[in-house]
């Protein structure tokens, strides 16, 4: 069984149903009818919240179990959005298409795959489009409150500044914060936030 299908297999939502706090903190940048890609959106908590803000959301994940739960959450919350099961490595990312890309804890990618993933994210943003990205820093391995166990999958300010040097970085910060996102992410966490705009 797909490891993610196994993780999402219970009736409970592994990362809860409430949106990520960093994403909510960036609400002022979001406008109704913006087109938005929620990358590796899991059971849909962030994509559903984005749809509730009036955005036109495409939520994608490679887990069929997560996608079905995301669809159920969208129905429960009364929002219309597109939810698809895709393999992000094989997907034909559209070019200059989205106003916003939300990448919340998408650290499944090893360094080689991450280069491709970040390039595809930049490619699919419209000029002037926004990337909202949150992940864990290597210090998270001490906290063990969620995230990958491979240090090479984690982010630093230097890594993100270099990876998105061709974008306008509006906000980039490491911080330790307590988060409560279901059983998957719970407790003091070593986080890094990035807001970047694609240069027109």
N, C-alpha and C. Protein backbone atom coordinates (compact mmCIF):
# COMPACT_ATOMS: atom_id res chain seq x y z
N UNK A 1 0.84 -1.19 0.00
CA UNK A 1 0.00 0.00 0.00
C UNK A 1 0.88 1.25 0.00
N UNK A 2 0.48 2.24 -0.78
CA UNK A 2 1.12 3.55 -0.76
C UNK A 2 1.26 4.02 0.69
N UNK A 3 2.46 4.46 1.07
CA UNK A 3 2.71 4.86 2.46
C UNK A 3 1.78 5.99 2.89
N UNK A 4 1.46 6.87 1.95
CA UNK A 4 0.55 7.98 2.28
C UNK A 4 -0.88 7.49 2.43
N UNK A 5 -1.28 6.51 1.61
CA UNK A 5 -2.62 5.93 1.79
C UNK A 5 -2.75 5.31 3.18
N UNK A 6 -1.69 4.65 3.62
CA UNK A 6 -1.70 4.04 4.95
C UNK A 6 -1.82 5.12 6.02
N UNK A 7 -1.09 6.21 5.84
CA UNK A 7 -1.09 7.29 6.82
C UNK A 7 -2.47 7.95 6.93
N UNK A 8 -3.15 8.05 5.80
CA UNK A 8 -4.45 8.74 5.77
C UNK A 8 -5.63 7.79 5.94
N UNK A 9 -5.37 6.53 6.24
CA UNK A 9 -6.43 5.52 6.15
C UNK A 9 -7.49 5.59 7.26
N UNK A 10 -7.19 6.20 8.38
CA UNK A 10 -8.17 6.24 9.47
C UNK A 10 -9.32 7.18 9.18
N UNK A 11 -10.33 7.12 10.02
CA UNK A 11 -11.48 8.02 9.86
C UNK A 11 -11.10 9.45 10.23
N UNK A 12 -10.19 9.60 11.19
CA UNK A 12 -9.76 10.95 11.59
C UNK A 12 -8.89 11.55 10.48
N UNK A 13 -8.84 12.87 10.47
CA UNK A 13 -7.97 13.57 9.52
C UNK A 13 -6.58 13.69 10.17
N UNK A 14 -5.58 13.09 9.52
CA UNK A 14 -4.25 12.93 10.12
C UNK A 14 -3.65 14.27 10.55
N UNK A 15 -3.85 15.30 9.72
CA UNK A 15 -3.35 16.63 10.05
C UNK A 15 -4.49 17.58 10.44
N UNK A 16 -5.62 17.02 10.83
CA UNK A 16 -6.76 17.84 11.23
C UNK A 16 -7.50 18.41 10.03
N UNK A 17 -8.52 19.21 10.33
CA UNK A 17 -9.32 19.83 9.26
C UNK A 17 -9.19 21.35 9.26
N UNK A 18 -8.43 21.90 10.21
CA UNK A 18 -8.24 23.34 10.25
C UNK A 18 -7.05 23.74 9.39
N UNK A 19 -7.07 24.93 8.81
CA UNK A 19 -5.97 25.33 7.93
C UNK A 19 -4.68 25.60 8.71
N UNK A 20 -3.60 25.56 7.99
CA UNK A 20 -2.28 25.87 8.52
C UNK A 20 -2.23 27.33 8.98
N UNK A 21 -1.65 27.57 10.16
CA UNK A 21 -1.64 28.92 10.76
C UNK A 21 -0.88 29.93 9.90
N UNK A 22 0.23 29.53 9.32
CA UNK A 22 0.98 30.44 8.44
C UNK A 22 0.12 30.86 7.26
N UNK A 23 -0.57 29.90 6.66
CA UNK A 23 -1.43 30.21 5.51
C UNK A 23 -2.49 31.24 5.91
N UNK A 24 -3.11 31.03 7.05
CA UNK A 24 -4.14 31.97 7.53
C UNK A 24 -3.53 33.35 7.77
N UNK A 25 -2.29 33.38 8.27
CA UNK A 25 -1.63 34.67 8.55
C UNK A 25 -1.39 35.48 7.29
N UNK A 26 -1.41 34.83 6.13
CA UNK A 26 -1.18 35.51 4.85
C UNK A 26 -2.49 35.82 4.12
N UNK A 27 -3.60 35.74 4.84
CA UNK A 27 -4.93 35.92 4.23
C UNK A 27 -5.06 37.25 3.49
N UNK A 28 -4.44 38.30 4.00
CA UNK A 28 -4.58 39.63 3.38
C UNK A 28 -4.03 39.67 1.96
N UNK A 29 -3.15 38.74 1.62
CA UNK A 29 -2.59 38.72 0.25
C UNK A 29 -3.53 38.02 -0.74
N UNK A 30 -4.55 37.37 -0.23
CA UNK A 30 -5.44 36.55 -1.06
C UNK A 30 -6.68 37.34 -1.46
N UNK A 31 -7.07 37.22 -2.72
CA UNK A 31 -8.25 37.91 -3.22
C UNK A 31 -9.20 36.90 -3.87
N UNK A 32 -10.51 37.12 -3.73
CA UNK A 32 -11.47 36.23 -4.37
C UNK A 32 -11.19 36.09 -5.87
N UNK A 33 -11.44 34.89 -6.37
CA UNK A 33 -11.28 34.54 -7.79
C UNK A 33 -9.83 34.37 -8.23
N UNK A 34 -8.87 34.54 -7.32
CA UNK A 34 -7.51 34.15 -7.68
C UNK A 34 -7.48 32.65 -7.97
N UNK A 35 -6.70 32.24 -8.96
CA UNK A 35 -6.51 30.81 -9.21
C UNK A 35 -5.39 30.31 -8.30
N UNK A 36 -5.61 29.15 -7.69
CA UNK A 36 -4.68 28.67 -6.67
C UNK A 36 -4.42 27.18 -6.81
N UNK A 37 -3.15 26.81 -6.74
CA UNK A 37 -2.75 25.41 -6.69
C UNK A 37 -2.31 25.07 -5.28
N UNK A 38 -2.97 24.10 -4.66
CA UNK A 38 -2.56 23.58 -3.35
C UNK A 38 -1.78 22.30 -3.60
N UNK A 39 -0.45 22.38 -3.46
CA UNK A 39 0.46 21.27 -3.81
C UNK A 39 0.49 20.25 -2.67
N UNK A 40 0.38 18.96 -3.03
CA UNK A 40 0.43 17.90 -2.03
C UNK A 40 -0.48 18.26 -0.85
N UNK A 41 -1.74 18.50 -1.17
CA UNK A 41 -2.70 19.07 -0.22
C UNK A 41 -3.30 18.04 0.72
N UNK A 42 -2.89 16.78 0.59
CA UNK A 42 -3.34 15.76 1.54
C UNK A 42 -4.85 15.68 1.62
N UNK A 43 -5.37 15.72 2.84
CA UNK A 43 -6.80 15.54 3.06
C UNK A 43 -7.60 16.83 2.88
N UNK A 44 -6.93 17.87 2.37
CA UNK A 44 -7.67 19.02 1.87
C UNK A 44 -7.87 20.19 2.81
N UNK A 45 -7.30 20.13 4.01
CA UNK A 45 -7.61 21.19 4.98
C UNK A 45 -7.23 22.58 4.48
N UNK A 46 -6.10 22.69 3.78
CA UNK A 46 -5.66 24.00 3.30
C UNK A 46 -6.38 24.40 2.02
N UNK A 47 -6.55 23.47 1.12
CA UNK A 47 -7.28 23.78 -0.11
C UNK A 47 -8.71 24.21 0.17
N UNK A 48 -9.37 23.53 1.10
CA UNK A 48 -10.74 23.88 1.45
C UNK A 48 -10.79 25.29 2.04
N UNK A 49 -9.85 25.62 2.92
CA UNK A 49 -9.82 26.96 3.49
C UNK A 49 -9.60 28.01 2.41
N UNK A 50 -8.70 27.73 1.48
CA UNK A 50 -8.46 28.67 0.38
C UNK A 50 -9.72 28.86 -0.46
N UNK A 51 -10.45 27.78 -0.70
CA UNK A 51 -11.72 27.89 -1.43
C UNK A 51 -12.73 28.71 -0.65
N UNK A 52 -12.70 28.58 0.67
CA UNK A 52 -13.61 29.37 1.51
C UNK A 52 -13.30 30.87 1.41
N UNK A 53 -12.08 31.21 1.03
CA UNK A 53 -11.72 32.63 0.84
C UNK A 53 -12.11 33.13 -0.55
N UNK A 54 -12.73 32.26 -1.35
CA UNK A 54 -13.20 32.66 -2.67
C UNK A 54 -12.23 32.38 -3.80
N UNK A 55 -11.12 31.69 -3.49
CA UNK A 55 -10.17 31.37 -4.55
C UNK A 55 -10.66 30.19 -5.38
N UNK A 56 -10.21 30.13 -6.62
CA UNK A 56 -10.50 29.00 -7.51
C UNK A 56 -9.39 27.98 -7.32
N UNK A 57 -9.66 26.93 -6.56
CA UNK A 57 -8.60 26.06 -6.06
C UNK A 57 -8.53 24.74 -6.83
N UNK A 58 -7.30 24.36 -7.20
CA UNK A 58 -6.99 23.01 -7.63
C UNK A 58 -6.13 22.39 -6.53
N UNK A 59 -6.67 21.39 -5.87
CA UNK A 59 -5.97 20.67 -4.79
C UNK A 59 -5.49 19.35 -5.35
N UNK A 60 -4.19 19.08 -5.23
CA UNK A 60 -3.63 17.85 -5.80
C UNK A 60 -2.85 17.08 -4.75
N UNK A 61 -2.91 15.75 -4.85
CA UNK A 61 -2.16 14.88 -3.96
C UNK A 61 -2.00 13.53 -4.64
N UNK A 62 -0.97 12.78 -4.26
CA UNK A 62 -0.76 11.48 -4.90
C UNK A 62 -1.48 10.34 -4.18
N UNK A 63 -2.10 10.63 -3.04
CA UNK A 63 -2.79 9.59 -2.27
C UNK A 63 -4.27 9.56 -2.61
N UNK A 64 -4.74 8.43 -3.10
CA UNK A 64 -6.16 8.29 -3.43
C UNK A 64 -7.03 8.40 -2.19
N UNK A 65 -6.54 7.91 -1.06
CA UNK A 65 -7.29 7.99 0.20
C UNK A 65 -7.44 9.44 0.63
N UNK A 66 -6.35 10.19 0.56
CA UNK A 66 -6.39 11.60 0.94
C UNK A 66 -7.33 12.39 0.05
N UNK A 67 -7.29 12.11 -1.24
CA UNK A 67 -8.14 12.83 -2.19
C UNK A 67 -9.62 12.60 -1.88
N UNK A 68 -9.99 11.37 -1.56
CA UNK A 68 -11.39 11.10 -1.21
C UNK A 68 -11.79 11.82 0.06
N UNK A 69 -10.89 11.90 1.02
CA UNK A 69 -11.19 12.62 2.27
C UNK A 69 -11.27 14.13 2.02
N UNK A 70 -10.43 14.62 1.12
CA UNK A 70 -10.49 16.05 0.76
C UNK A 70 -11.83 16.37 0.11
N UNK A 71 -12.29 15.49 -0.76
CA UNK A 71 -13.59 15.71 -1.42
C UNK A 71 -14.71 15.72 -0.38
N UNK A 72 -14.63 14.83 0.58
CA UNK A 72 -15.65 14.77 1.64
C UNK A 72 -15.62 16.05 2.48
N UNK A 73 -14.42 16.55 2.77
CA UNK A 73 -14.29 17.78 3.57
C UNK A 73 -14.85 18.98 2.81
N UNK A 74 -14.61 19.03 1.51
CA UNK A 74 -15.14 20.13 0.70
C UNK A 74 -16.66 20.13 0.71
N UNK A 75 -17.25 18.95 0.60
CA UNK A 75 -18.71 18.83 0.65
C UNK A 75 -19.22 19.26 2.01
N UNK A 76 -18.57 18.77 3.05
CA UNK A 76 -18.97 19.10 4.42
C UNK A 76 -18.93 20.60 4.67
N UNK A 77 -17.92 21.27 4.11
CA UNK A 77 -17.77 22.71 4.33
C UNK A 77 -18.49 23.55 3.26
N UNK A 78 -19.10 22.88 2.28
CA UNK A 78 -19.92 23.58 1.30
C UNK A 78 -19.14 24.43 0.32
N UNK A 79 -17.94 23.97 -0.08
CA UNK A 79 -17.16 24.74 -1.05
C UNK A 79 -16.98 23.94 -2.33
N UNK A 80 -16.85 24.70 -3.43
CA UNK A 80 -16.58 24.09 -4.73
C UNK A 80 -15.10 24.27 -5.04
N UNK A 81 -14.45 23.18 -5.38
CA UNK A 81 -13.04 23.21 -5.75
C UNK A 81 -12.74 21.96 -6.57
N UNK A 82 -11.62 21.97 -7.25
CA UNK A 82 -11.21 20.80 -8.03
C UNK A 82 -10.16 20.04 -7.22
N UNK A 83 -10.37 18.74 -7.07
CA UNK A 83 -9.47 17.91 -6.28
C UNK A 83 -9.07 16.72 -7.14
N UNK A 84 -7.76 16.55 -7.35
CA UNK A 84 -7.29 15.50 -8.25
C UNK A 84 -6.15 14.71 -7.63
N UNK A 85 -6.13 13.43 -7.94
CA UNK A 85 -5.01 12.57 -7.57
C UNK A 85 -3.99 12.62 -8.70
N UNK A 86 -2.80 13.10 -8.42
CA UNK A 86 -1.75 13.17 -9.44
C UNK A 86 -0.40 12.81 -8.85
N UNK A 87 0.50 12.41 -9.72
CA UNK A 87 1.91 12.22 -9.35
C UNK A 87 2.64 13.49 -9.76
N UNK A 88 3.10 14.27 -8.78
CA UNK A 88 3.70 15.57 -9.08
C UNK A 88 4.96 15.45 -9.94
N UNK A 89 5.62 14.30 -9.88
CA UNK A 89 6.83 14.12 -10.70
C UNK A 89 6.47 13.97 -12.17
N UNK A 90 5.37 13.26 -12.42
CA UNK A 90 4.96 12.97 -13.80
C UNK A 90 4.00 14.03 -14.38
N UNK A 91 3.41 14.82 -13.53
CA UNK A 91 2.37 15.77 -13.95
C UNK A 91 2.92 16.80 -14.93
N UNK A 92 2.12 17.14 -15.92
CA UNK A 92 2.47 18.18 -16.87
C UNK A 92 2.00 19.52 -16.28
N UNK A 93 2.89 20.15 -15.53
CA UNK A 93 2.54 21.40 -14.84
C UNK A 93 2.20 22.48 -15.87
N UNK A 94 1.08 23.17 -15.71
CA UNK A 94 0.75 24.25 -16.65
C UNK A 94 1.71 25.42 -16.49
N UNK A 95 1.86 26.21 -17.53
CA UNK A 95 2.80 27.32 -17.49
C UNK A 95 2.07 28.64 -17.30
N UNK A 96 2.60 29.51 -16.41
CA UNK A 96 2.02 30.85 -16.17
C UNK A 96 0.52 30.78 -15.94
N UNK A 97 0.10 29.95 -15.01
CA UNK A 97 -1.33 29.61 -14.89
C UNK A 97 -1.96 30.06 -13.57
N UNK A 98 -1.25 29.95 -12.48
CA UNK A 98 -1.85 30.19 -11.16
C UNK A 98 -1.42 31.54 -10.57
N UNK A 99 -2.36 32.19 -9.87
CA UNK A 99 -2.05 33.41 -9.13
C UNK A 99 -1.35 33.09 -7.81
N UNK A 100 -1.64 31.94 -7.25
CA UNK A 100 -1.11 31.54 -5.94
C UNK A 100 -0.75 30.06 -5.97
N UNK A 101 0.38 29.71 -5.39
CA UNK A 101 0.70 28.31 -5.10
C UNK A 101 0.93 28.20 -3.59
N UNK A 102 0.21 27.27 -2.97
CA UNK A 102 0.38 27.00 -1.54
C UNK A 102 1.11 25.67 -1.40
N UNK A 103 2.29 25.74 -0.78
CA UNK A 103 3.08 24.53 -0.52
C UNK A 103 3.32 24.41 0.97
N UNK A 104 2.46 23.69 1.65
CA UNK A 104 2.53 23.59 3.11
C UNK A 104 3.04 22.21 3.50
N UNK A 105 4.24 22.16 4.05
CA UNK A 105 4.88 20.90 4.45
C UNK A 105 4.93 19.91 3.28
N UNK A 106 5.60 20.34 2.21
CA UNK A 106 5.71 19.47 1.02
C UNK A 106 7.12 18.88 0.96
N UNK A 107 7.63 18.44 2.12
CA UNK A 107 9.02 18.00 2.20
C UNK A 107 9.20 16.51 2.00
N UNK A 108 8.36 15.95 1.13
CA UNK A 108 8.51 14.56 0.71
C UNK A 108 9.65 14.43 -0.31
N UNK A 109 10.09 15.56 -0.88
CA UNK A 109 11.03 15.54 -2.00
C UNK A 109 12.48 15.55 -1.50
N UNK A 110 13.29 14.62 -2.02
CA UNK A 110 14.72 14.65 -1.73
C UNK A 110 15.35 15.80 -2.52
N UNK A 111 16.64 16.13 -2.29
CA UNK A 111 17.21 17.32 -2.92
C UNK A 111 17.08 17.36 -4.45
N UNK A 112 17.27 16.23 -5.12
CA UNK A 112 17.15 16.22 -6.58
C UNK A 112 15.72 16.48 -7.01
N UNK A 113 14.78 15.77 -6.39
CA UNK A 113 13.36 15.96 -6.72
C UNK A 113 12.90 17.36 -6.33
N UNK A 114 13.48 17.91 -5.26
CA UNK A 114 13.08 19.25 -4.80
C UNK A 114 13.41 20.31 -5.83
N UNK A 115 14.56 20.20 -6.49
CA UNK A 115 14.93 21.16 -7.54
C UNK A 115 13.85 21.16 -8.62
N UNK A 116 13.44 19.97 -9.04
CA UNK A 116 12.41 19.85 -10.07
C UNK A 116 11.08 20.41 -9.57
N UNK A 117 10.73 20.07 -8.33
CA UNK A 117 9.47 20.54 -7.75
C UNK A 117 9.44 22.07 -7.68
N UNK A 118 10.50 22.67 -7.16
CA UNK A 118 10.54 24.13 -7.05
C UNK A 118 10.52 24.79 -8.43
N UNK A 119 11.22 24.22 -9.40
CA UNK A 119 11.20 24.78 -10.76
C UNK A 119 9.80 24.71 -11.35
N UNK A 120 9.10 23.59 -11.11
CA UNK A 120 7.74 23.46 -11.61
C UNK A 120 6.79 24.45 -10.95
N UNK A 121 6.98 24.67 -9.65
CA UNK A 121 6.16 25.67 -8.94
C UNK A 121 6.36 27.04 -9.57
N UNK A 122 7.61 27.41 -9.82
CA UNK A 122 7.89 28.72 -10.42
C UNK A 122 7.30 28.81 -11.83
N UNK A 123 7.39 27.71 -12.56
CA UNK A 123 6.89 27.68 -13.93
C UNK A 123 5.38 27.90 -13.98
N UNK A 124 4.66 27.31 -13.04
CA UNK A 124 3.19 27.35 -13.12
C UNK A 124 2.60 28.65 -12.58
N UNK A 125 3.40 29.45 -11.88
CA UNK A 125 2.90 30.75 -11.40
C UNK A 125 2.84 31.76 -12.53
N UNK A 126 1.79 32.56 -12.51
CA UNK A 126 1.73 33.70 -13.43
C UNK A 126 2.78 34.73 -13.01
N UNK A 127 3.25 35.56 -13.93
CA UNK A 127 4.06 36.70 -13.52
C UNK A 127 3.30 37.52 -12.47
N UNK A 128 3.97 37.82 -11.37
CA UNK A 128 3.30 38.51 -10.27
C UNK A 128 2.62 37.57 -9.29
N UNK A 129 2.62 36.26 -9.60
CA UNK A 129 1.96 35.28 -8.75
C UNK A 129 2.74 35.03 -7.46
N UNK A 130 2.03 34.55 -6.45
CA UNK A 130 2.60 34.38 -5.11
C UNK A 130 2.81 32.92 -4.74
N UNK A 131 3.94 32.64 -4.13
CA UNK A 131 4.20 31.35 -3.51
C UNK A 131 4.13 31.52 -2.00
N UNK A 132 3.31 30.69 -1.36
CA UNK A 132 3.22 30.63 0.10
C UNK A 132 3.73 29.27 0.51
N UNK A 133 4.88 29.23 1.16
CA UNK A 133 5.56 27.97 1.45
C UNK A 133 5.90 27.91 2.94
N UNK A 134 5.56 26.79 3.58
CA UNK A 134 6.03 26.56 4.95
C UNK A 134 6.60 25.16 5.04
N UNK A 135 7.70 25.05 5.79
CA UNK A 135 8.30 23.75 6.00
C UNK A 135 9.02 23.71 7.34
N UNK A 136 9.74 22.61 7.54
CA UNK A 136 10.54 22.42 8.75
C UNK A 136 12.01 22.68 8.46
N UNK A 137 12.73 23.14 9.50
CA UNK A 137 14.18 23.28 9.43
C UNK A 137 14.82 22.05 10.08
N UNK A 138 16.13 21.86 9.90
CA UNK A 138 16.78 20.67 10.49
C UNK A 138 16.61 20.54 12.00
N UNK A 139 16.42 21.64 12.70
CA UNK A 139 16.21 21.58 14.15
C UNK A 139 14.97 20.76 14.51
N UNK A 140 14.07 20.58 13.55
CA UNK A 140 12.86 19.79 13.79
C UNK A 140 13.19 18.34 14.17
N UNK A 141 14.34 17.87 13.75
CA UNK A 141 14.73 16.49 14.08
C UNK A 141 14.92 16.32 15.59
N UNK A 142 15.19 17.42 16.30
CA UNK A 142 15.28 17.35 17.76
C UNK A 142 13.90 17.33 18.41
N UNK A 143 12.94 18.03 17.79
CA UNK A 143 11.61 18.15 18.39
C UNK A 143 10.74 16.92 18.13
N UNK A 144 10.90 16.32 16.97
CA UNK A 144 10.16 15.10 16.60
C UNK A 144 8.65 15.27 16.75
N UNK A 145 8.14 16.40 16.31
CA UNK A 145 6.70 16.68 16.41
C UNK A 145 6.03 16.69 15.04
N UNK A 146 6.67 16.05 14.08
CA UNK A 146 6.12 15.96 12.72
C UNK A 146 7.21 16.15 11.70
N UNK A 147 6.87 15.88 10.45
CA UNK A 147 7.81 16.12 9.35
C UNK A 147 8.69 14.93 9.06
N UNK A 148 9.49 15.06 8.00
CA UNK A 148 10.34 13.95 7.56
C UNK A 148 11.51 13.73 8.51
N UNK A 149 12.04 12.52 8.52
CA UNK A 149 13.20 12.21 9.36
C UNK A 149 14.51 12.37 8.59
N UNK A 150 14.44 12.65 7.29
CA UNK A 150 15.65 12.82 6.48
C UNK A 150 16.07 14.29 6.51
N UNK A 151 17.23 14.57 7.07
CA UNK A 151 17.68 15.96 7.21
C UNK A 151 17.80 16.66 5.87
N UNK A 152 18.14 15.90 4.83
CA UNK A 152 18.33 16.53 3.51
C UNK A 152 17.02 17.05 2.91
N UNK A 153 15.87 16.60 3.45
CA UNK A 153 14.58 17.07 2.94
C UNK A 153 14.13 18.38 3.60
N UNK A 154 14.86 18.83 4.61
CA UNK A 154 14.44 19.99 5.38
C UNK A 154 15.00 21.27 4.79
N UNK A 155 14.42 22.41 5.17
CA UNK A 155 14.77 23.70 4.57
C UNK A 155 15.55 24.58 5.53
N UNK A 156 16.35 25.46 4.95
CA UNK A 156 17.02 26.53 5.71
C UNK A 156 16.78 27.84 4.96
N UNK A 157 17.05 28.96 5.63
CA UNK A 157 16.92 30.26 4.97
C UNK A 157 17.82 30.31 3.74
N UNK A 158 19.04 29.83 3.87
CA UNK A 158 19.97 29.87 2.74
C UNK A 158 19.46 29.04 1.58
N UNK A 159 18.97 27.84 1.87
CA UNK A 159 18.45 26.96 0.82
C UNK A 159 17.31 27.63 0.07
N UNK A 160 16.35 28.18 0.79
CA UNK A 160 15.19 28.79 0.13
C UNK A 160 15.57 30.09 -0.58
N UNK A 161 16.46 30.87 0.04
CA UNK A 161 16.86 32.11 -0.63
C UNK A 161 17.56 31.80 -1.95
N UNK A 162 18.37 30.77 -1.98
CA UNK A 162 19.05 30.39 -3.22
C UNK A 162 18.08 29.78 -4.23
N UNK A 163 17.18 28.93 -3.74
CA UNK A 163 16.24 28.25 -4.64
C UNK A 163 15.30 29.23 -5.33
N UNK A 164 14.96 30.31 -4.63
CA UNK A 164 14.00 31.29 -5.17
C UNK A 164 14.66 32.65 -5.40
N UNK A 165 15.94 32.61 -5.73
CA UNK A 165 16.69 33.86 -5.99
C UNK A 165 16.14 34.61 -7.20
N UNK A 166 15.45 33.90 -8.10
CA UNK A 166 14.89 34.53 -9.29
C UNK A 166 13.48 35.06 -9.04
N UNK A 167 13.03 35.03 -7.77
CA UNK A 167 11.74 35.61 -7.39
C UNK A 167 11.99 36.75 -6.40
N UNK A 168 10.98 37.58 -6.22
CA UNK A 168 11.05 38.64 -5.20
C UNK A 168 10.63 38.04 -3.86
N UNK A 169 11.56 37.95 -2.93
CA UNK A 169 11.25 37.36 -1.62
C UNK A 169 10.65 38.44 -0.72
N UNK A 170 9.38 38.26 -0.38
CA UNK A 170 8.65 39.23 0.43
C UNK A 170 8.76 38.95 1.92
N UNK A 171 8.96 37.68 2.25
CA UNK A 171 9.01 37.28 3.66
C UNK A 171 9.75 35.94 3.73
N UNK A 172 10.73 35.85 4.61
CA UNK A 172 11.47 34.60 4.80
C UNK A 172 11.96 34.59 6.24
N UNK A 173 11.45 33.62 7.02
CA UNK A 173 11.76 33.63 8.45
C UNK A 173 11.75 32.23 9.03
N UNK A 174 12.76 31.94 9.84
CA UNK A 174 12.77 30.72 10.65
C UNK A 174 12.23 31.08 12.04
N UNK A 175 11.46 30.16 12.62
CA UNK A 175 10.96 30.40 13.98
C UNK A 175 10.55 29.08 14.61
N UNK A 176 10.55 29.06 15.93
CA UNK A 176 10.03 27.93 16.69
C UNK A 176 8.64 28.30 17.18
N UNK A 177 7.66 27.49 16.84
CA UNK A 177 6.27 27.77 17.24
C UNK A 177 5.58 26.47 17.58
N UNK A 178 4.60 26.56 18.44
CA UNK A 178 3.76 25.41 18.78
C UNK A 178 2.63 25.34 17.76
N UNK A 179 2.48 24.19 17.14
CA UNK A 179 1.36 23.99 16.20
C UNK A 179 0.57 22.76 16.61
N UNK A 180 -0.71 22.79 16.26
CA UNK A 180 -1.60 21.66 16.52
C UNK A 180 -2.36 21.37 15.23
N UNK A 181 -1.86 20.40 14.47
CA UNK A 181 -2.48 20.02 13.21
C UNK A 181 -2.72 18.51 13.23
N UNK A 182 -3.81 18.13 13.91
CA UNK A 182 -4.11 16.72 14.04
C UNK A 182 -2.99 15.99 14.78
N UNK A 183 -2.94 14.68 14.62
CA UNK A 183 -1.87 13.92 15.28
C UNK A 183 -0.57 14.00 14.49
N UNK A 184 -0.66 14.45 13.23
CA UNK A 184 0.52 14.47 12.37
C UNK A 184 1.54 15.53 12.73
N UNK A 185 1.05 16.72 13.10
CA UNK A 185 1.93 17.83 13.49
C UNK A 185 1.41 18.36 14.81
N UNK A 186 2.12 18.12 15.90
CA UNK A 186 1.61 18.56 17.19
C UNK A 186 2.74 18.84 18.16
N UNK A 187 2.84 20.11 18.58
CA UNK A 187 3.84 20.48 19.56
C UNK A 187 4.81 21.52 19.04
N UNK A 188 5.84 21.79 19.82
CA UNK A 188 6.85 22.77 19.45
C UNK A 188 7.55 22.32 18.17
N UNK A 189 7.63 23.23 17.20
CA UNK A 189 8.13 22.87 15.87
C UNK A 189 9.10 23.91 15.36
N UNK A 190 10.11 23.47 14.62
CA UNK A 190 11.11 24.35 14.01
C UNK A 190 10.66 24.64 12.58
N UNK A 191 10.15 25.84 12.35
CA UNK A 191 9.46 26.16 11.10
C UNK A 191 10.21 27.21 10.30
N UNK A 192 9.90 27.23 9.01
CA UNK A 192 10.41 28.28 8.14
C UNK A 192 9.29 28.67 7.18
N UNK A 193 9.09 29.98 7.04
CA UNK A 193 8.02 30.52 6.21
C UNK A 193 8.63 31.32 5.05
N UNK A 194 8.03 31.18 3.87
CA UNK A 194 8.46 31.93 2.71
C UNK A 194 7.25 32.47 1.95
N UNK A 195 7.30 33.75 1.64
CA UNK A 195 6.36 34.34 0.70
C UNK A 195 7.21 34.96 -0.41
N UNK A 196 6.98 34.55 -1.65
CA UNK A 196 7.77 35.06 -2.77
C UNK A 196 6.87 35.35 -3.96
N UNK A 197 7.24 36.38 -4.72
CA UNK A 197 6.43 36.78 -5.88
C UNK A 197 7.25 36.52 -7.16
N UNK A 198 6.59 35.93 -8.14
CA UNK A 198 7.24 35.73 -9.44
C UNK A 198 7.39 37.07 -10.13
N UNK A 199 8.60 37.36 -10.56
CA UNK A 199 8.88 38.64 -11.18
C UNK A 199 8.24 38.69 -12.56
N UNK A 200 7.53 39.78 -12.81
CA UNK A 200 6.80 39.94 -14.08
C UNK A 200 7.76 40.19 -15.22
